[in-house]
């Protein structure tokens, strides 16, 4: 990863705090562009109010989850809306507890 190294923790992005939402979109775009093994060329990052919106297609459900996790590590879990679609096979059923 470009900005955060290998571990995604909110402390890696303390420099963004207080800089407003204008930095959020650029920071998320930068981070997802450096995801290893994930084609993010069809992913758009936009802002709706204070929320980061991810739109587009990725190769698999796992790739969509990776992109969302990275975005959440940048701006916080409660501020990401994912509209990513998987172009690959459906993921196996997972029970969310």
C-alpha atoms as a PDB file:
ATOM      1  CA  UNK A   1       0.000   0.000   0.000  1.00  0.00           C
ATOM      2  CA  UNK A   2       1.168   3.456  -0.747  1.00  0.00           C
ATOM      3  CA  UNK A   3       0.191   5.368   2.393  1.00  0.00           C
ATOM      4  CA  UNK A   4      -0.502   2.829   5.081  1.00  0.00           C
ATOM      5  CA  UNK A   5       1.959  -0.017   4.763  1.00  0.00           C
ATOM      6  CA  UNK A   6       0.649  -3.531   5.257  1.00  0.00           C
ATOM      7  CA  UNK A   7      -1.699  -3.087   8.208  1.00  0.00           C
ATOM      8  CA  UNK A   8      -4.890  -1.058   7.982  1.00  0.00           C
ATOM      9  CA  UNK A   9      -5.452   0.849  11.179  1.00  0.00           C
ATOM     10  CA  UNK A  10      -7.054   4.238  11.715  1.00  0.00           C
ATOM     11  CA  UNK A  11      -3.818   5.528  13.259  1.00  0.00           C
ATOM     12  CA  UNK A  12      -2.166   5.430   9.839  1.00  0.00           C
ATOM     13  CA  UNK A  13      -4.490   8.197   8.698  1.00  0.00           C
ATOM     14  CA  UNK A  14      -4.266  10.601  11.603  1.00  0.00           C
ATOM     15  CA  UNK A  15      -2.830  13.202   9.216  1.00  0.00           C
ATOM     16  CA  UNK A  16      -6.252  13.515   7.538  1.00  0.00           C
ATOM     17  CA  UNK A  17      -8.173  14.346  10.711  1.00  0.00           C
ATOM     18  CA  UNK A  18      -9.343  17.925  10.641  1.00  0.00           C
ATOM     19  CA  UNK A  19      -8.542  18.476   6.967  1.00  0.00           C
ATOM     20  CA  UNK A  20     -12.142  18.043   5.821  1.00  0.00           C
ATOM     21  CA  UNK A  21     -13.775  15.725   3.382  1.00  0.00           C
ATOM     22  CA  UNK A  22     -11.907  17.129   0.380  1.00  0.00           C
ATOM     23  CA  UNK A  23      -8.890  15.008   1.326  1.00  0.00           C
ATOM     24  CA  UNK A  24     -10.950  11.859   1.856  1.00  0.00           C
ATOM     25  CA  UNK A  25     -11.707  11.122  -1.784  1.00  0.00           C
ATOM     26  CA  UNK A  26      -8.114  11.649  -2.871  1.00  0.00           C
ATOM     27  CA  UNK A  27      -6.732   9.552  -0.018  1.00  0.00           C
ATOM     28  CA  UNK A  28      -9.103   6.661  -0.786  1.00  0.00           C
ATOM     29  CA  UNK A  29      -8.299   6.849  -4.505  1.00  0.00           C
ATOM     30  CA  UNK A  30      -4.576   6.755  -3.745  1.00  0.00           C
ATOM     31  CA  UNK A  31      -4.874   3.822  -1.363  1.00  0.00           C
ATOM     32  CA  UNK A  32      -7.051   1.613  -3.559  1.00  0.00           C
ATOM     33  CA  UNK A  33      -4.837   2.255  -6.591  1.00  0.00           C
ATOM     34  CA  UNK A  34      -1.997   0.502  -4.751  1.00  0.00           C
ATOM     35  CA  UNK A  35      -3.961  -2.631  -3.806  1.00  0.00           C
ATOM     36  CA  UNK A  36      -1.868  -5.596  -4.879  1.00  0.00           C
ATOM     37  CA  UNK A  37      -3.628  -8.009  -7.217  1.00  0.00           C
ATOM     38  CA  UNK A  38      -6.854  -5.978  -7.427  1.00  0.00           C
ATOM     39  CA  UNK A  39      -7.845  -4.213 -10.647  1.00  0.00           C
ATOM     40  CA  UNK A  40      -9.443  -0.963  -9.510  1.00  0.00           C
ATOM     41  CA  UNK A  41      -9.446   0.696 -12.930  1.00  0.00           C
ATOM     42  CA  UNK A  42     -13.269   0.465 -13.035  1.00  0.00           C
ATOM     43  CA  UNK A  43     -13.778   1.815  -9.508  1.00  0.00           C
ATOM     44  CA  UNK A  44     -14.887   5.409  -9.016  1.00  0.00           C
ATOM     45  CA  UNK A  45     -14.602   7.196  -5.677  1.00  0.00           C
ATOM     46  CA  UNK A  46     -17.044  10.007  -5.044  1.00  0.00           C
ATOM     47  CA  UNK A  47     -18.344  11.989  -2.087  1.00  0.00           C
ATOM     48  CA  UNK A  48     -21.951  12.387  -0.991  1.00  0.00           C
ATOM     49  CA  UNK A  49     -21.930  14.767   1.940  1.00  0.00           C
ATOM     50  CA  UNK A  50     -19.406  13.291   4.346  1.00  0.00           C
ATOM     51  CA  UNK A  51     -19.711   9.770   2.897  1.00  0.00           C
ATOM     52  CA  UNK A  52     -17.278   8.160   0.495  1.00  0.00           C
ATOM     53  CA  UNK A  53     -19.144   6.306  -2.260  1.00  0.00           C
ATOM     54  CA  UNK A  54     -17.459   3.455  -4.120  1.00  0.00           C
ATOM     55  CA  UNK A  55     -18.998   2.619  -7.498  1.00  0.00           C
ATOM     56  CA  UNK A  56     -17.998   0.333 -10.337  1.00  0.00           C
ATOM     57  CA  UNK A  57     -16.975  -3.248 -10.958  1.00  0.00           C
ATOM     58  CA  UNK A  58     -14.217  -5.490  -9.671  1.00  0.00           C
ATOM     59  CA  UNK A  59     -13.288  -9.069 -10.554  1.00  0.00           C
ATOM     60  CA  UNK A  60     -14.608 -10.779  -7.420  1.00  0.00           C
ATOM     61  CA  UNK A  61     -16.532 -10.310  -4.216  1.00  0.00           C
ATOM     62  CA  UNK A  62     -13.255 -10.644  -2.329  1.00  0.00           C
ATOM     63  CA  UNK A  63     -11.815  -7.739  -4.337  1.00  0.00           C
ATOM     64  CA  UNK A  64     -14.885  -5.630  -3.515  1.00  0.00           C
ATOM     65  CA  UNK A  65     -14.415  -6.401   0.176  1.00  0.00           C
ATOM     66  CA  UNK A  66     -10.717  -5.468  -0.004  1.00  0.00           C
ATOM     67  CA  UNK A  67     -11.514  -2.126  -1.649  1.00  0.00           C
ATOM     68  CA  UNK A  68     -14.183  -1.386   0.945  1.00  0.00           C
ATOM     69  CA  UNK A  69     -11.880  -2.341   3.848  1.00  0.00           C
ATOM     70  CA  UNK A  70      -9.180  -0.004   2.553  1.00  0.00           C
ATOM     71  CA  UNK A  71     -11.665   2.849   2.147  1.00  0.00           C
ATOM     72  CA  UNK A  72     -12.954   2.240   5.672  1.00  0.00           C
ATOM     73  CA  UNK A  73      -9.413   2.259   7.027  1.00  0.00           C
ATOM     74  CA  UNK A  74      -8.959   5.733   5.525  1.00  0.00           C
ATOM     75  CA  UNK A  75     -12.224   7.468   6.458  1.00  0.00           C
ATOM     76  CA  UNK A  76     -13.856   5.195   9.041  1.00  0.00           C
ATOM     77  CA  UNK A  77     -16.234   2.250   8.799  1.00  0.00           C
ATOM     78  CA  UNK A  78     -19.372   4.335   9.175  1.00  0.00           C
ATOM     79  CA  UNK A  79     -18.532   6.659   6.288  1.00  0.00           C
ATOM     80  CA  UNK A  80     -18.260   4.298   3.302  1.00  0.00           C
ATOM     81  CA  UNK A  81     -21.120   3.344   0.987  1.00  0.00           C
ATOM     82  CA  UNK A  82     -20.135   0.589  -1.416  1.00  0.00           C
ATOM     83  CA  UNK A  83     -21.960   0.138  -4.696  1.00  0.00           C
ATOM     84  CA  UNK A  84     -19.287  -2.148  -6.103  1.00  0.00           C
ATOM     85  CA  UNK A  85     -20.369  -5.051  -8.283  1.00  0.00           C
ATOM     86  CA  UNK A  86     -18.481  -8.259  -8.857  1.00  0.00           C
ATOM     87  CA  UNK A  87     -17.949  -9.344 -12.455  1.00  0.00           C
ATOM     88  CA  UNK A  88     -16.901 -12.840 -11.387  1.00  0.00           C
ATOM     89  CA  UNK A  89     -18.592 -15.877  -9.910  1.00  0.00           C
ATOM     90  CA  UNK A  90     -20.789 -15.369  -6.851  1.00  0.00           C
ATOM     91  CA  UNK A  91     -19.133 -15.776  -3.477  1.00  0.00           C
ATOM     92  CA  UNK A  92     -19.945 -18.800  -1.339  1.00  0.00           C
ATOM     93  CA  UNK A  93     -22.695 -18.334   1.230  1.00  0.00           C
ATOM     94  CA  UNK A  94     -21.438 -16.770   4.449  1.00  0.00           C
ATOM     95  CA  UNK A  95     -23.451 -16.455   7.617  1.00  0.00           C
ATOM     96  CA  UNK A  96     -22.960 -13.023   9.142  1.00  0.00           C
ATOM     97  CA  UNK A  97     -23.138 -13.127  12.897  1.00  0.00           C
END
